[in-house]
Amino acid sequence: MTSATSPTIRARNAKYQGNVTKRGTGTTKKTSATTTKAPAIDPRVAYFLLVLMSGGAIFQVLYLIFGSRLFPDPMDMD
């Protein structure tokens, strides 16, 4: 059985087969070591999120330890 490739595909394959040994040997563009990148987010935003999350974790631990005695439910006020 013969393959069902078209003549244009066979021509392109023949054209690119000569380039097989040259692939991957080119030079790559490297960034210089003196270039510094800025952080993805502003450090103040990162610190704010850190304080927010750690504060929430502290309140969660306090609620687990002391329960509703420390944080009473405002709907239960009589």
N, C-alpha and C. Protein backbone atom coordinates (compact mmCIF):
# COMPACT_ATOMS: atom_id res chain seq x y z
N MET A 1 0.83 -1.17 0.00
CA MET A 1 0.00 0.00 0.00
C MET A 1 0.88 1.24 0.00
N THR A 2 0.54 2.17 -0.81
CA THR A 2 1.30 3.42 -0.86
C THR A 2 0.68 4.42 0.10
N SER A 3 1.50 5.38 0.50
CA SER A 3 0.97 6.38 1.43
C SER A 3 0.11 7.38 0.67
N ALA A 4 -0.79 8.01 1.37
CA ALA A 4 -1.75 8.90 0.74
C ALA A 4 -1.38 10.37 0.99
N THR A 5 -0.07 10.67 0.95
CA THR A 5 0.32 12.07 1.15
C THR A 5 0.32 12.80 -0.17
N SER A 6 -0.04 14.06 -0.11
CA SER A 6 -0.11 14.85 -1.33
C SER A 6 1.29 15.29 -1.76
N PRO A 7 1.47 15.66 -2.99
CA PRO A 7 2.80 16.09 -3.47
C PRO A 7 3.31 17.34 -2.75
N THR A 8 2.42 18.22 -2.34
CA THR A 8 2.89 19.42 -1.65
C THR A 8 3.43 19.08 -0.27
N ILE A 9 2.80 18.15 0.42
CA ILE A 9 3.28 17.74 1.74
C ILE A 9 4.62 17.03 1.61
N ARG A 10 4.76 16.18 0.58
CA ARG A 10 6.03 15.50 0.36
C ARG A 10 7.13 16.50 0.04
N ALA A 11 6.82 17.53 -0.72
CA ALA A 11 7.82 18.56 -1.05
C ALA A 11 8.24 19.34 0.20
N ARG A 12 7.29 19.67 1.05
CA ARG A 12 7.62 20.38 2.29
C ARG A 12 8.44 19.50 3.22
N ASN A 13 8.11 18.21 3.30
CA ASN A 13 8.89 17.30 4.13
C ASN A 13 10.33 17.23 3.64
N ALA A 14 10.52 17.14 2.33
CA ALA A 14 11.86 17.07 1.77
C ALA A 14 12.63 18.36 2.04
N LYS A 15 11.94 19.50 1.98
CA LYS A 15 12.59 20.78 2.24
C LYS A 15 13.08 20.87 3.68
N TYR A 16 12.27 20.46 4.63
CA TYR A 16 12.63 20.59 6.04
C TYR A 16 13.51 19.45 6.56
N GLN A 17 13.62 18.36 5.85
CA GLN A 17 14.49 17.26 6.30
C GLN A 17 15.95 17.67 6.24
N GLY A 18 16.33 18.58 5.35
CA GLY A 18 17.71 19.04 5.29
C GLY A 18 18.08 19.91 6.48
N ASN A 19 17.12 20.40 7.20
CA ASN A 19 17.36 21.30 8.34
C ASN A 19 17.43 20.53 9.66
N VAL A 20 17.36 19.23 9.63
CA VAL A 20 17.28 18.44 10.86
C VAL A 20 18.53 18.60 11.72
N THR A 21 19.70 18.61 11.11
CA THR A 21 20.94 18.68 11.89
C THR A 21 21.20 20.06 12.44
N LYS A 22 20.56 21.08 11.92
CA LYS A 22 20.79 22.45 12.38
C LYS A 22 19.87 22.86 13.53
N ARG A 23 18.88 22.09 13.82
CA ARG A 23 17.90 22.47 14.83
C ARG A 23 18.51 22.42 16.22
N GLY A 24 18.22 23.44 17.00
CA GLY A 24 18.66 23.48 18.39
C GLY A 24 20.07 23.95 18.58
N THR A 25 20.78 24.33 17.53
CA THR A 25 22.16 24.78 17.68
C THR A 25 22.28 26.29 17.60
N GLY A 26 21.22 26.99 17.40
CA GLY A 26 21.26 28.44 17.29
C GLY A 26 21.51 29.09 18.63
N THR A 27 21.89 30.35 18.60
CA THR A 27 22.12 31.10 19.83
C THR A 27 20.78 31.59 20.36
N THR A 28 20.69 31.65 21.65
CA THR A 28 19.46 32.13 22.27
C THR A 28 19.70 33.50 22.85
N LYS A 29 18.66 34.26 22.94
CA LYS A 29 18.74 35.59 23.51
C LYS A 29 18.74 35.46 25.03
N LYS A 30 19.80 35.91 25.65
CA LYS A 30 19.91 35.80 27.10
C LYS A 30 19.76 37.18 27.72
N THR A 31 19.13 37.22 28.88
CA THR A 31 18.99 38.48 29.58
C THR A 31 20.26 38.75 30.38
N SER A 32 20.58 39.99 30.51
CA SER A 32 21.79 40.33 31.25
C SER A 32 21.54 40.22 32.75
N ALA A 33 22.60 39.97 33.48
CA ALA A 33 22.47 39.79 34.92
C ALA A 33 22.22 41.11 35.63
N THR A 34 22.52 42.23 34.98
CA THR A 34 22.33 43.52 35.62
C THR A 34 20.88 43.96 35.59
N THR A 35 20.08 43.39 34.74
CA THR A 35 18.67 43.75 34.66
C THR A 35 17.92 43.11 35.82
N THR A 36 17.23 43.95 36.60
CA THR A 36 16.44 43.43 37.71
C THR A 36 14.97 43.57 37.35
N LYS A 37 14.22 42.56 37.68
CA LYS A 37 12.79 42.60 37.41
C LYS A 37 12.05 43.09 38.67
N ALA A 38 11.01 43.83 38.43
CA ALA A 38 10.18 44.28 39.53
C ALA A 38 9.33 43.11 40.01
N PRO A 39 8.96 43.09 41.30
CA PRO A 39 8.09 42.01 41.78
C PRO A 39 6.73 42.07 41.09
N ALA A 40 6.06 40.95 41.09
CA ALA A 40 4.78 40.85 40.39
C ALA A 40 3.72 41.76 41.03
N ILE A 41 3.74 41.89 42.34
CA ILE A 41 2.80 42.79 43.01
C ILE A 41 3.58 43.73 43.91
N ASP A 42 2.96 44.81 44.28
CA ASP A 42 3.58 45.80 45.14
C ASP A 42 3.82 45.18 46.52
N PRO A 43 4.98 45.40 47.13
CA PRO A 43 5.25 44.82 48.45
C PRO A 43 4.24 45.25 49.51
N ARG A 44 3.72 46.47 49.41
CA ARG A 44 2.72 46.91 50.39
C ARG A 44 1.44 46.08 50.30
N VAL A 45 1.06 45.71 49.10
CA VAL A 45 -0.13 44.87 48.92
C VAL A 45 0.14 43.47 49.49
N ALA A 46 1.35 42.96 49.27
CA ALA A 46 1.70 41.65 49.80
C ALA A 46 1.68 41.66 51.33
N TYR A 47 2.24 42.72 51.94
CA TYR A 47 2.22 42.81 53.41
C TYR A 47 0.80 42.93 53.93
N PHE A 48 -0.04 43.70 53.25
CA PHE A 48 -1.43 43.85 53.68
C PHE A 48 -2.15 42.51 53.64
N LEU A 49 -1.96 41.76 52.57
CA LEU A 49 -2.59 40.44 52.48
C LEU A 49 -2.06 39.49 53.54
N LEU A 50 -0.76 39.59 53.84
CA LEU A 50 -0.17 38.75 54.88
C LEU A 50 -0.77 39.06 56.24
N VAL A 51 -0.91 40.34 56.58
CA VAL A 51 -1.51 40.74 57.86
C VAL A 51 -2.98 40.32 57.91
N LEU A 52 -3.68 40.50 56.81
CA LEU A 52 -5.09 40.14 56.76
C LEU A 52 -5.29 38.65 56.98
N MET A 53 -4.49 37.83 56.33
CA MET A 53 -4.64 36.38 56.46
C MET A 53 -4.19 35.89 57.83
N SER A 54 -3.09 36.42 58.33
CA SER A 54 -2.63 35.97 59.65
C SER A 54 -3.59 36.44 60.74
N GLY A 55 -4.15 37.62 60.60
CA GLY A 55 -5.13 38.10 61.58
C GLY A 55 -6.37 37.22 61.59
N GLY A 56 -6.82 36.83 60.41
CA GLY A 56 -7.97 35.94 60.33
C GLY A 56 -7.67 34.58 60.93
N ALA A 57 -6.44 34.10 60.74
CA ALA A 57 -6.06 32.81 61.32
C ALA A 57 -6.01 32.90 62.84
N ILE A 58 -5.51 34.01 63.36
CA ILE A 58 -5.46 34.19 64.82
C ILE A 58 -6.87 34.21 65.39
N PHE A 59 -7.78 34.96 64.76
CA PHE A 59 -9.16 34.98 65.24
C PHE A 59 -9.80 33.60 65.16
N GLN A 60 -9.49 32.84 64.16
CA GLN A 60 -10.05 31.49 64.02
C GLN A 60 -9.56 30.59 65.14
N VAL A 61 -8.28 30.68 65.49
CA VAL A 61 -7.73 29.87 66.58
C VAL A 61 -8.35 30.29 67.91
N LEU A 62 -8.50 31.61 68.13
CA LEU A 62 -9.13 32.08 69.37
C LEU A 62 -10.58 31.59 69.46
N TYR A 63 -11.28 31.59 68.34
CA TYR A 63 -12.65 31.11 68.36
C TYR A 63 -12.71 29.61 68.65
N LEU A 64 -11.74 28.86 68.13
CA LEU A 64 -11.72 27.43 68.41
C LEU A 64 -11.44 27.16 69.89
N ILE A 65 -10.59 27.99 70.49
CA ILE A 65 -10.23 27.76 71.89
C ILE A 65 -11.34 28.24 72.83
N PHE A 66 -11.78 29.47 72.65
CA PHE A 66 -12.72 30.06 73.60
C PHE A 66 -14.17 29.97 73.17
N GLY A 67 -14.42 29.72 71.93
CA GLY A 67 -15.78 29.56 71.44
C GLY A 67 -16.58 30.84 71.49
N SER A 68 -17.84 30.72 71.79
CA SER A 68 -18.73 31.89 71.76
C SER A 68 -18.59 32.77 72.99
N ARG A 69 -17.78 32.37 73.99
CA ARG A 69 -17.58 33.25 75.15
C ARG A 69 -16.79 34.50 74.77
N LEU A 70 -15.84 34.35 73.83
CA LEU A 70 -15.01 35.47 73.41
C LEU A 70 -15.71 36.30 72.33
N PHE A 71 -16.40 35.64 71.43
CA PHE A 71 -17.08 36.32 70.34
C PHE A 71 -18.56 35.95 70.38
N PRO A 72 -19.36 36.64 71.17
CA PRO A 72 -20.78 36.28 71.25
C PRO A 72 -21.50 36.64 69.94
N ASP A 73 -22.54 35.88 69.68
CA ASP A 73 -23.34 36.11 68.47
C ASP A 73 -24.21 37.36 68.71
N PRO A 74 -24.12 38.37 67.87
CA PRO A 74 -24.91 39.59 68.09
C PRO A 74 -26.41 39.36 67.98
N MET A 75 -26.85 38.30 67.34
CA MET A 75 -28.29 38.02 67.23
C MET A 75 -28.84 37.40 68.50
N ASP A 76 -27.97 36.89 69.37
CA ASP A 76 -28.43 36.27 70.60
C ASP A 76 -28.49 37.26 71.78
N MET A 77 -28.21 38.50 71.54
CA MET A 77 -28.22 39.49 72.62
C MET A 77 -29.65 39.66 73.14
N ASP A 78 -29.82 39.54 74.44
CA ASP A 78 -31.14 39.69 75.05
C ASP A 78 -31.25 40.98 75.80
